Amino acid sequence: MKSSNVKKEKRIRRHARIRAKISGTADLPRLSVFKSNKHISVQLIDDQNGQTLASAHSRDVKGKTMMEKAGEVGQLIAEKAKAKKITEVAFDRGGFIYTGNIKTLADGARKGGLHF
């Protein structure tokens, strides 16, 4: 088995453990993060109704580095959440460790006005 597959499977297992504890509602949606090598994306999800309330992607923002784009994506999702009158979210890091781009995205979302 290739090491990249092992790494991906470990992340998926971590995400499953997180998802067993975190679930989104209309009042407290789940802020779900996905990161690839080139991009980062987030969604506000209401798991009870199976709906995505808002989303943001690094393609939609300006920035030179991935770190700059992550912060901008965090602020963009916070603006979209404010437009839908959402201030509290449950943060779902998607099995990724809370450093680097994930932390920068979370800080950008907090700076934009989201609480978690």
C-alpha atoms as a PDB file:
ATOM      1  CA  MET A   1       0.000   0.000   0.000  1.00  0.00           C
ATOM      2  CA  LYS A   2       1.284   3.479  -0.836  1.00  0.00           C
ATOM      3  CA  SER A   3       2.037   5.873   1.982  1.00  0.00           C
ATOM      4  CA  SER A   4      -0.288   8.523   0.495  1.00  0.00           C
ATOM      5  CA  ASN A   5      -3.201   6.102   0.785  1.00  0.00           C
ATOM      6  CA  VAL A   6      -2.305   5.331   4.402  1.00  0.00           C
ATOM      7  CA  LYS A   7      -2.099   9.043   5.173  1.00  0.00           C
ATOM      8  CA  LYS A   8      -5.499   9.662   3.572  1.00  0.00           C
ATOM      9  CA  GLU A   9      -7.098   6.724   5.390  1.00  0.00           C
ATOM     10  CA  LYS A  10      -5.758   7.976   8.732  1.00  0.00           C
ATOM     11  CA  ARG A  11      -7.253  11.425   8.065  1.00  0.00           C
ATOM     12  CA  ILE A  12     -10.594   9.835   7.140  1.00  0.00           C
ATOM     13  CA  ARG A  13     -10.564   7.831  10.391  1.00  0.00           C
ATOM     14  CA  ARG A  14      -9.797  10.972  12.411  1.00  0.00           C
ATOM     15  CA  HIS A  15     -12.620  12.794  10.622  1.00  0.00           C
ATOM     16  CA  ALA A  16     -15.046   9.961  11.438  1.00  0.00           C
ATOM     17  CA  ARG A  17     -14.168  10.289  15.146  1.00  0.00           C
ATOM     18  CA  ILE A  18     -14.745  14.045  14.987  1.00  0.00           C
ATOM     19  CA  ARG A  19     -18.058  13.641  13.135  1.00  0.00           C
ATOM     20  CA  ALA A  20     -19.307  11.230  15.778  1.00  0.00           C
ATOM     21  CA  LYS A  21     -19.202  14.145  18.234  1.00  0.00           C
ATOM     22  CA  ILE A  22     -19.960  17.186  16.038  1.00  0.00           C
ATOM     23  CA  SER A  23     -23.214  17.718  14.173  1.00  0.00           C
ATOM     24  CA  GLY A  24     -24.703  20.875  12.689  1.00  0.00           C
ATOM     25  CA  THR A  25     -28.195  22.278  13.108  1.00  0.00           C
ATOM     26  CA  ALA A  26     -29.965  25.285  11.623  1.00  0.00           C
ATOM     27  CA  ASP A  27     -29.137  27.301  14.764  1.00  0.00           C
ATOM     28  CA  LEU A  28     -25.570  25.992  15.152  1.00  0.00           C
ATOM     29  CA  PRO A  29     -24.285  24.857  11.730  1.00  0.00           C
ATOM     30  CA  ARG A  30     -21.102  22.845  11.276  1.00  0.00           C
ATOM     31  CA  LEU A  31     -18.189  24.742   9.708  1.00  0.00           C
ATOM     32  CA  SER A  32     -16.605  21.961   7.654  1.00  0.00           C
ATOM     33  CA  VAL A  33     -13.083  22.439   6.269  1.00  0.00           C
ATOM     34  CA  PHE A  34     -11.410  20.596   3.385  1.00  0.00           C
ATOM     35  CA  LYS A  35      -7.833  21.189   2.343  1.00  0.00           C
ATOM     36  CA  SER A  36      -5.966  19.907  -0.682  1.00  0.00           C
ATOM     37  CA  ASN A  37      -2.431  20.696  -1.814  1.00  0.00           C
ATOM     38  CA  LYS A  38      -3.615  23.630  -3.955  1.00  0.00           C
ATOM     39  CA  HIS A  39      -6.889  24.816  -2.401  1.00  0.00           C
ATOM     40  CA  ILE A  40      -8.915  25.112   0.788  1.00  0.00           C
ATOM     41  CA  SER A  41     -12.702  25.204   1.041  1.00  0.00           C
ATOM     42  CA  VAL A  42     -15.276  25.563   3.813  1.00  0.00           C
ATOM     43  CA  GLN A  43     -18.997  24.942   4.105  1.00  0.00           C
ATOM     44  CA  LEU A  44     -21.648  25.799   6.668  1.00  0.00           C
ATOM     45  CA  ILE A  45     -23.745  22.652   6.928  1.00  0.00           C
ATOM     46  CA  ASP A  46     -27.098  21.920   8.585  1.00  0.00           C
ATOM     47  CA  ASP A  47     -26.827  18.151   9.131  1.00  0.00           C
ATOM     48  CA  GLN A  48     -30.406  17.735  10.369  1.00  0.00           C
ATOM     49  CA  ASN A  49     -31.847  18.874   7.025  1.00  0.00           C
ATOM     50  CA  GLY A  50     -28.861  17.827   4.920  1.00  0.00           C
ATOM     51  CA  GLN A  51     -28.323  21.331   3.521  1.00  0.00           C
ATOM     52  CA  THR A  52     -25.277  23.454   2.794  1.00  0.00           C
ATOM     53  CA  LEU A  53     -26.118  26.948   4.019  1.00  0.00           C
ATOM     54  CA  ALA A  54     -23.031  28.742   2.653  1.00  0.00           C
ATOM     55  CA  SER A  55     -19.645  27.907   1.181  1.00  0.00           C
ATOM     56  CA  ALA A  56     -16.350  29.582   0.304  1.00  0.00           C
ATOM     57  CA  HIS A  57     -13.336  28.443  -1.707  1.00  0.00           C
ATOM     58  CA  SER A  58      -9.787  29.673  -2.155  1.00  0.00           C
ATOM     59  CA  ARG A  59     -10.450  30.164  -5.896  1.00  0.00           C
ATOM     60  CA  ASP A  60     -12.795  33.025  -4.953  1.00  0.00           C
ATOM     61  CA  VAL A  61     -10.209  35.080  -3.030  1.00  0.00           C
ATOM     62  CA  LYS A  62      -7.015  36.946  -3.817  1.00  0.00           C
ATOM     63  CA  GLY A  63      -3.748  36.041  -2.158  1.00  0.00           C
ATOM     64  CA  LYS A  64      -0.302  34.872  -3.134  1.00  0.00           C
ATOM     65  CA  THR A  65       0.308  32.093  -0.650  1.00  0.00           C
ATOM     66  CA  MET A  66      -1.973  29.337   0.604  1.00  0.00           C
ATOM     67  CA  MET A  67      -1.768  30.852   4.099  1.00  0.00           C
ATOM     68  CA  GLU A  68      -3.040  34.246   2.877  1.00  0.00           C
ATOM     69  CA  LYS A  69      -5.843  32.563   0.923  1.00  0.00           C
ATOM     70  CA  ALA A  70      -6.882  30.526   3.995  1.00  0.00           C
ATOM     71  CA  GLY A  71      -7.304  33.694   6.069  1.00  0.00           C
ATOM     72  CA  GLU A  72      -9.321  35.335   3.286  1.00  0.00           C
ATOM     73  CA  VAL A  73     -11.556  32.259   2.939  1.00  0.00           C
ATOM     74  CA  GLY A  74     -12.213  32.394   6.697  1.00  0.00           C
ATOM     75  CA  GLN A  75     -13.286  36.018   6.469  1.00  0.00           C
ATOM     76  CA  LEU A  76     -15.404  35.311   3.364  1.00  0.00           C
ATOM     77  CA  ILE A  77     -17.353  32.501   5.065  1.00  0.00           C
ATOM     78  CA  ALA A  78     -17.874  34.766   8.098  1.00  0.00           C
ATOM     79  CA  GLU A  79     -19.390  37.453   5.839  1.00  0.00           C
ATOM     80  CA  LYS A  80     -21.695  34.904   4.184  1.00  0.00           C
ATOM     81  CA  ALA A  81     -22.709  33.590   7.619  1.00  0.00           C
ATOM     82  CA  LYS A  82     -23.493  37.105   8.844  1.00  0.00           C
ATOM     83  CA  ALA A  83     -25.715  37.634   5.790  1.00  0.00           C
ATOM     84  CA  LYS A  84     -27.716  34.568   6.920  1.00  0.00           C
ATOM     85  CA  LYS A  85     -27.718  35.804  10.551  1.00  0.00           C
ATOM     86  CA  ILE A  86     -25.397  33.026  11.777  1.00  0.00           C
ATOM     87  CA  THR A  87     -22.894  33.944  14.487  1.00  0.00           C
ATOM     88  CA  GLU A  88     -22.197  30.612  16.256  1.00  0.00           C
ATOM     89  CA  VAL A  89     -20.795  27.538  14.483  1.00  0.00           C
ATOM     90  CA  ALA A  90     -19.340  24.150  15.385  1.00  0.00           C
ATOM     91  CA  PHE A  91     -15.831  23.913  13.888  1.00  0.00           C
ATOM     92  CA  ASP A  92     -15.106  20.666  12.014  1.00  0.00           C
ATOM     93  CA  ARG A  93     -11.450  20.559  10.986  1.00  0.00           C
ATOM     94  CA  GLY A  94     -12.043  17.514   8.793  1.00  0.00           C
ATOM     95  CA  GLY A  95      -9.348  15.345  10.359  1.00  0.00           C
ATOM     96  CA  PHE A  96      -6.631  17.870   9.526  1.00  0.00           C
ATOM     97  CA  ILE A  97      -4.343  19.008  12.340  1.00  0.00           C
ATOM     98  CA  TYR A  98      -5.096  22.441  13.791  1.00  0.00           C
ATOM     99  CA  THR A  99      -1.969  24.247  12.586  1.00  0.00           C
ATOM    100  CA  GLY A 100      -0.947  26.233   9.539  1.00  0.00           C
ATOM    101  CA  ASN A 101      -3.701  26.807   7.008  1.00  0.00           C
ATOM    102  CA  ILE A 102      -6.493  25.346   9.168  1.00  0.00           C
ATOM    103  CA  LYS A 103      -5.579  27.609  12.100  1.00  0.00           C
ATOM    104  CA  THR A 104      -5.269  30.641   9.794  1.00  0.00           C
ATOM    105  CA  LEU A 105      -8.713  29.903   8.331  1.00  0.00           C
ATOM    106  CA  ALA A 106     -10.215  29.597  11.826  1.00  0.00           C
ATOM    107  CA  ASP A 107      -8.570  32.866  12.914  1.00  0.00           C
ATOM    108  CA  GLY A 108      -9.919  34.589   9.781  1.00  0.00           C
ATOM    109  CA  ALA A 109     -13.431  33.312  10.517  1.00  0.00           C
ATOM    110  CA  ARG A 110     -13.168  34.554  14.121  1.00  0.00           C
ATOM    111  CA  LYS A 111     -11.876  37.911  12.879  1.00  0.00           C
ATOM    112  CA  GLY A 112     -14.899  38.068  10.575  1.00  0.00           C
ATOM    113  CA  GLY A 113     -17.263  37.624  13.522  1.00  0.00           C
ATOM    114  CA  LEU A 114     -17.929  33.890  13.898  1.00  0.00           C
ATOM    115  CA  HIS A 115     -17.783  32.335  17.371  1.00  0.00           C
ATOM    116  CA  PHE A 116     -16.649  28.762  18.049  1.00  0.00           C
END
